[in-house]
Structures are given as structure tokens and as C-alpha cells.
C-alpha atoms as a PDB file:
ATOM      1  CA  MET A   1       4.392   6.362 -55.044  1.00  0.00           C
ATOM      2  CA  THR A   2       2.766   3.857 -52.909  1.00  0.00           C
ATOM      3  CA  LYS A   3       3.947   0.470 -51.952  1.00  0.00           C
ATOM      4  CA  GLU A   4       1.901  -2.415 -51.384  1.00  0.00           C
ATOM      5  CA  VAL A   5       2.553  -4.447 -47.913  1.00  0.00           C
ATOM      6  CA  ARG A   6       1.006  -7.636 -46.883  1.00  0.00           C
ATOM      7  CA  LYS A   7      -1.393  -7.577 -43.865  1.00  0.00           C
ATOM      8  CA  ASP A   8       0.750 -10.346 -41.848  1.00  0.00           C
ATOM      9  CA  ALA A   9       4.015  -8.368 -42.388  1.00  0.00           C
ATOM     10  CA  VAL A  10       2.283  -5.331 -40.803  1.00  0.00           C
ATOM     11  CA  PHE A  11       1.034  -7.307 -37.717  1.00  0.00           C
ATOM     12  CA  LYS A  12       4.733  -9.019 -37.541  1.00  0.00           C
ATOM     13  CA  ASN A  13       6.187  -5.479 -37.165  1.00  0.00           C
ATOM     14  CA  LEU A  14       3.363  -4.293 -34.837  1.00  0.00           C
ATOM     15  CA  ALA A  15       4.032  -6.894 -32.253  1.00  0.00           C
ATOM     16  CA  ASN A  16       7.702  -6.214 -32.261  1.00  0.00           C
ATOM     17  CA  TYR A  17       7.134  -2.531 -31.735  1.00  0.00           C
ATOM     18  CA  ALA A  18       4.148  -3.171 -28.975  1.00  0.00           C
ATOM     19  CA  THR A  19       4.595  -2.520 -25.060  1.00  0.00           C
ATOM     20  CA  LEU A  20       3.301  -5.119 -23.043  1.00  0.00           C
ATOM     21  CA  CYS A  21       0.565  -3.746 -20.645  1.00  0.00           C
ATOM     22  CA  HIS A  22      -2.413  -5.311 -18.908  1.00  0.00           C
ATOM     23  CA  THR A  23      -5.593  -4.293 -17.139  1.00  0.00           C
ATOM     24  CA  VAL A  24      -7.361  -5.707 -14.195  1.00  0.00           C
ATOM     25  CA  ALA A  25     -11.206  -5.335 -13.727  1.00  0.00           C
ATOM     26  CA  LEU A  26     -13.454  -6.910 -11.629  1.00  0.00           C
ATOM     27  CA  ALA A  27     -15.755  -9.649 -13.324  1.00  0.00           C
ATOM     28  CA  ASP A  28     -19.035  -7.472 -12.877  1.00  0.00           C
ATOM     29  CA  GLN A  29     -17.605  -4.593 -14.450  1.00  0.00           C
ATOM     30  CA  LEU A  30     -19.077  -3.964 -17.752  1.00  0.00           C
ATOM     31  CA  THR A  31     -16.766  -1.162 -19.119  1.00  0.00           C
ATOM     32  CA  LEU A  32     -12.844  -1.355 -18.784  1.00  0.00           C
ATOM     33  CA  THR A  33     -12.608   2.363 -18.390  1.00  0.00           C
ATOM     34  CA  ASP A  34     -14.032   2.451 -14.806  1.00  0.00           C
ATOM     35  CA  LYS A  35     -12.147   3.943 -11.926  1.00  0.00           C
ATOM     36  CA  LYS A  36     -11.538   0.951 -10.443  1.00  0.00           C
ATOM     37  CA  SER A  37      -9.500  -0.693 -13.380  1.00  0.00           C
ATOM     38  CA  LYS A  38      -6.346   0.755 -14.576  1.00  0.00           C
ATOM     39  CA  ILE A  39      -3.865  -0.346 -17.408  1.00  0.00           C
ATOM     40  CA  VAL A  40      -0.298  -0.929 -16.246  1.00  0.00           C
ATOM     41  CA  LYS A  41       2.808  -1.546 -18.188  1.00  0.00           C
ATOM     42  CA  GLY A  42       4.507  -4.801 -18.016  1.00  0.00           C
ATOM     43  CA  ALA A  43       3.512  -8.270 -18.067  1.00  0.00           C
ATOM     44  CA  VAL A  44       0.932  -9.654 -15.607  1.00  0.00           C
ATOM     45  CA  PRO A  45       2.583 -10.240 -12.046  1.00  0.00           C
ATOM     46  CA  LYS A  46       2.380 -13.614 -10.378  1.00  0.00           C
ATOM     47  CA  ILE A  47       0.881 -14.327  -7.252  1.00  0.00           C
ATOM     48  CA  MET A  48       3.768 -15.730  -4.972  1.00  0.00           C
ATOM     49  CA  VAL A  49       3.039 -18.317  -2.455  1.00  0.00           C
ATOM     50  CA  ILE A  50       5.665 -19.051   0.275  1.00  0.00           C
ATOM     51  CA  SER A  51       6.430 -21.428   2.966  1.00  0.00           C
ATOM     52  CA  MET A  52       8.872 -20.350   5.282  1.00  0.00           C
ATOM     53  CA  LYS A  53      10.043 -20.537   8.959  1.00  0.00           C
ATOM     54  CA  HIS A  54       9.580 -17.464  11.523  1.00  0.00           C
ATOM     55  CA  MET A  55      10.196 -17.669  14.976  1.00  0.00           C
ATOM     56  CA  ASN A  56      10.282 -21.393  15.003  1.00  0.00           C
ATOM     57  CA  LYS A  57       6.860 -21.804  13.616  1.00  0.00           C
ATOM     58  CA  LYS A  58       5.983 -22.391   9.965  1.00  0.00           C
ATOM     59  CA  ILE A  59       3.970 -19.851   8.072  1.00  0.00           C
ATOM     60  CA  THR A  60       2.408 -19.691   4.583  1.00  0.00           C
ATOM     61  CA  VAL A  61       2.671 -16.115   3.010  1.00  0.00           C
ATOM     62  CA  ILE A  62       0.678 -14.997  -0.192  1.00  0.00           C
ATOM     63  CA  HIS A  63       2.235 -12.034  -2.110  1.00  0.00           C
ATOM     64  CA  SER A  64       1.056  -9.761  -4.786  1.00  0.00           C
ATOM     65  CA  CYS A  65      -2.829 -10.158  -4.318  1.00  0.00           C
ATOM     66  CA  ASP A  66      -3.394  -6.530  -4.315  1.00  0.00           C
ATOM     67  CA  THR A  67      -2.601  -6.475  -8.031  1.00  0.00           C
ATOM     68  CA  PHE A  68      -5.691  -8.566  -8.813  1.00  0.00           C
ATOM     69  CA  MET A  69      -8.344  -6.470  -6.421  1.00  0.00           C
ATOM     70  CA  LEU A  70      -8.975  -9.263  -4.294  1.00  0.00           C
ATOM     71  CA  ASP A  71     -10.935  -8.842  -0.972  1.00  0.00           C
ATOM     72  CA  PHE A  72      -8.261  -9.722   1.761  1.00  0.00           C
ATOM     73  CA  ASN A  73     -11.028  -9.888   4.342  1.00  0.00           C
ATOM     74  CA  GLU A  74     -12.934 -12.548   2.400  1.00  0.00           C
ATOM     75  CA  MET A  75      -9.862 -14.503   1.322  1.00  0.00           C
ATOM     76  CA  CYS A  76      -8.709 -14.796   4.911  1.00  0.00           C
ATOM     77  CA  SER A  77     -12.207 -15.642   6.022  1.00  0.00           C
ATOM     78  CA  TYR A  78     -12.072 -18.750   3.220  1.00  0.00           C
ATOM     79  CA  PHE A  79      -8.585 -19.794   4.224  1.00  0.00           C
ATOM     80  CA  ARG A  80      -9.647 -20.006   8.010  1.00  0.00           C
ATOM     81  CA  ASN A  81     -12.476 -22.176   7.344  1.00  0.00           C
ATOM     82  CA  LYS A  82     -10.431 -24.391   4.654  1.00  0.00           C
ATOM     83  CA  CYS A  83      -7.202 -24.680   6.640  1.00  0.00           C
ATOM     84  CA  GLN A  84      -8.700 -24.730  10.138  1.00  0.00           C
ATOM     85  CA  CYS A  85      -5.853 -22.366  11.315  1.00  0.00           C
ATOM     86  CA  SER A  86      -4.747 -18.535  12.142  1.00  0.00           C
ATOM     87  CA  VAL A  87      -4.547 -16.371   9.137  1.00  0.00           C
ATOM     88  CA  SER A  88      -3.762 -12.643   9.044  1.00  0.00           C
ATOM     89  CA  ILE A  89      -3.086  -9.674   6.806  1.00  0.00           C
ATOM     90  CA  SER A  90       0.108  -7.964   6.533  1.00  0.00           C
ATOM     91  CA  VAL A  91       0.526  -4.553   5.210  1.00  0.00           C
ATOM     92  CA  TYR A  92       3.778  -3.674   3.735  1.00  0.00           C
ATOM     93  CA  GLN A  93       4.723   0.322   2.850  1.00  0.00           C
ATOM     94  CA  GLY A  94       1.197   1.472   3.428  1.00  0.00           C
ATOM     95  CA  HIS A  95      -0.252  -0.062   0.368  1.00  0.00           C
ATOM     96  CA  LYS A  96       1.232  -3.476  -0.575  1.00  0.00           C
ATOM     97  CA  SER A  97      -0.632  -6.365   1.528  1.00  0.00           C
ATOM     98  CA  SER A  98       0.098 -10.045   2.054  1.00  0.00           C
ATOM     99  CA  VAL A  99      -1.760 -12.891   3.512  1.00  0.00           C
ATOM    100  CA  GLN A 100       0.012 -14.909   6.523  1.00  0.00           C
ATOM    101  CA  ILE A 101      -1.608 -18.484   7.153  1.00  0.00           C
ATOM    102  CA  GLN A 102      -0.208 -20.534   9.987  1.00  0.00           C
ATOM    103  CA  GLY A 103       1.498 -23.825   8.993  1.00  0.00           C
ATOM    104  CA  ASN A 104       2.496 -25.107   5.998  1.00  0.00           C
ATOM    105  CA  GLN A 105      -0.402 -24.907   3.897  1.00  0.00           C
ATOM    106  CA  ILE A 106       0.935 -24.545   0.351  1.00  0.00           C
ATOM    107  CA  GLU A 107      -1.255 -27.625  -0.930  1.00  0.00           C
ATOM    108  CA  VAL A 108      -4.497 -25.904   0.028  1.00  0.00           C
ATOM    109  CA  VAL A 109      -3.774 -22.489  -1.182  1.00  0.00           C
ATOM    110  CA  GLU A 110      -2.703 -23.887  -4.802  1.00  0.00           C
END
């Protein structure tokens, strides 16, 4: 005995049981099965831009850029030219990186 099910009901239930995942691939890649891209569970992380005071100076910190496979050296040279200030790369726990920009540069970064 077979039961007929409407197509919209199947997709509605499929969306309820599906797990969120995302993949990040470079724009010039033709296939997503390359070794440089990987599928990660969960929602897409957000890039955090924070302005804080450190040792009596204001700095702008950009976190979570490594997920999107951005070139940190190219990003630093861009912000050096755009903001006309010092920019450095900070490495945390061996693999997580962030970019520190001297001064309150949130308007330029966004």
C-alpha cells in the first residue's frame, strides 16, 4: 500500500530535519571538492569588528577573517593605504588570526 504525499510537504519536513552547514571557496575555484574548501557544520560565522582601548591607545580589531580564506598580508597593505596608520596581524592559539589597526577605524573597515 502506497501513500501519496505532496511535494511541498516533503520539502517542508526536509527543511526541519536538515543540518545547517556552509562551505567557503575561493572565487576562482571551479569545483567545491577542492582541498582548499571544506564543509563546516553550523551557521556562517560573522566577521567581528571591535574598537577598544589598549595601553591608552585606541585600536580596531577584526576577528574571524581566517574562516573566509582572506590573505592577511594583502588586507594589511590595503588598510595601511586606506587608513594611513599602522596595521598588524595577531595570531591566537596557533591558527586563529586577527588584524589590529591603530586608531578607531570602524567607519573605514565597514
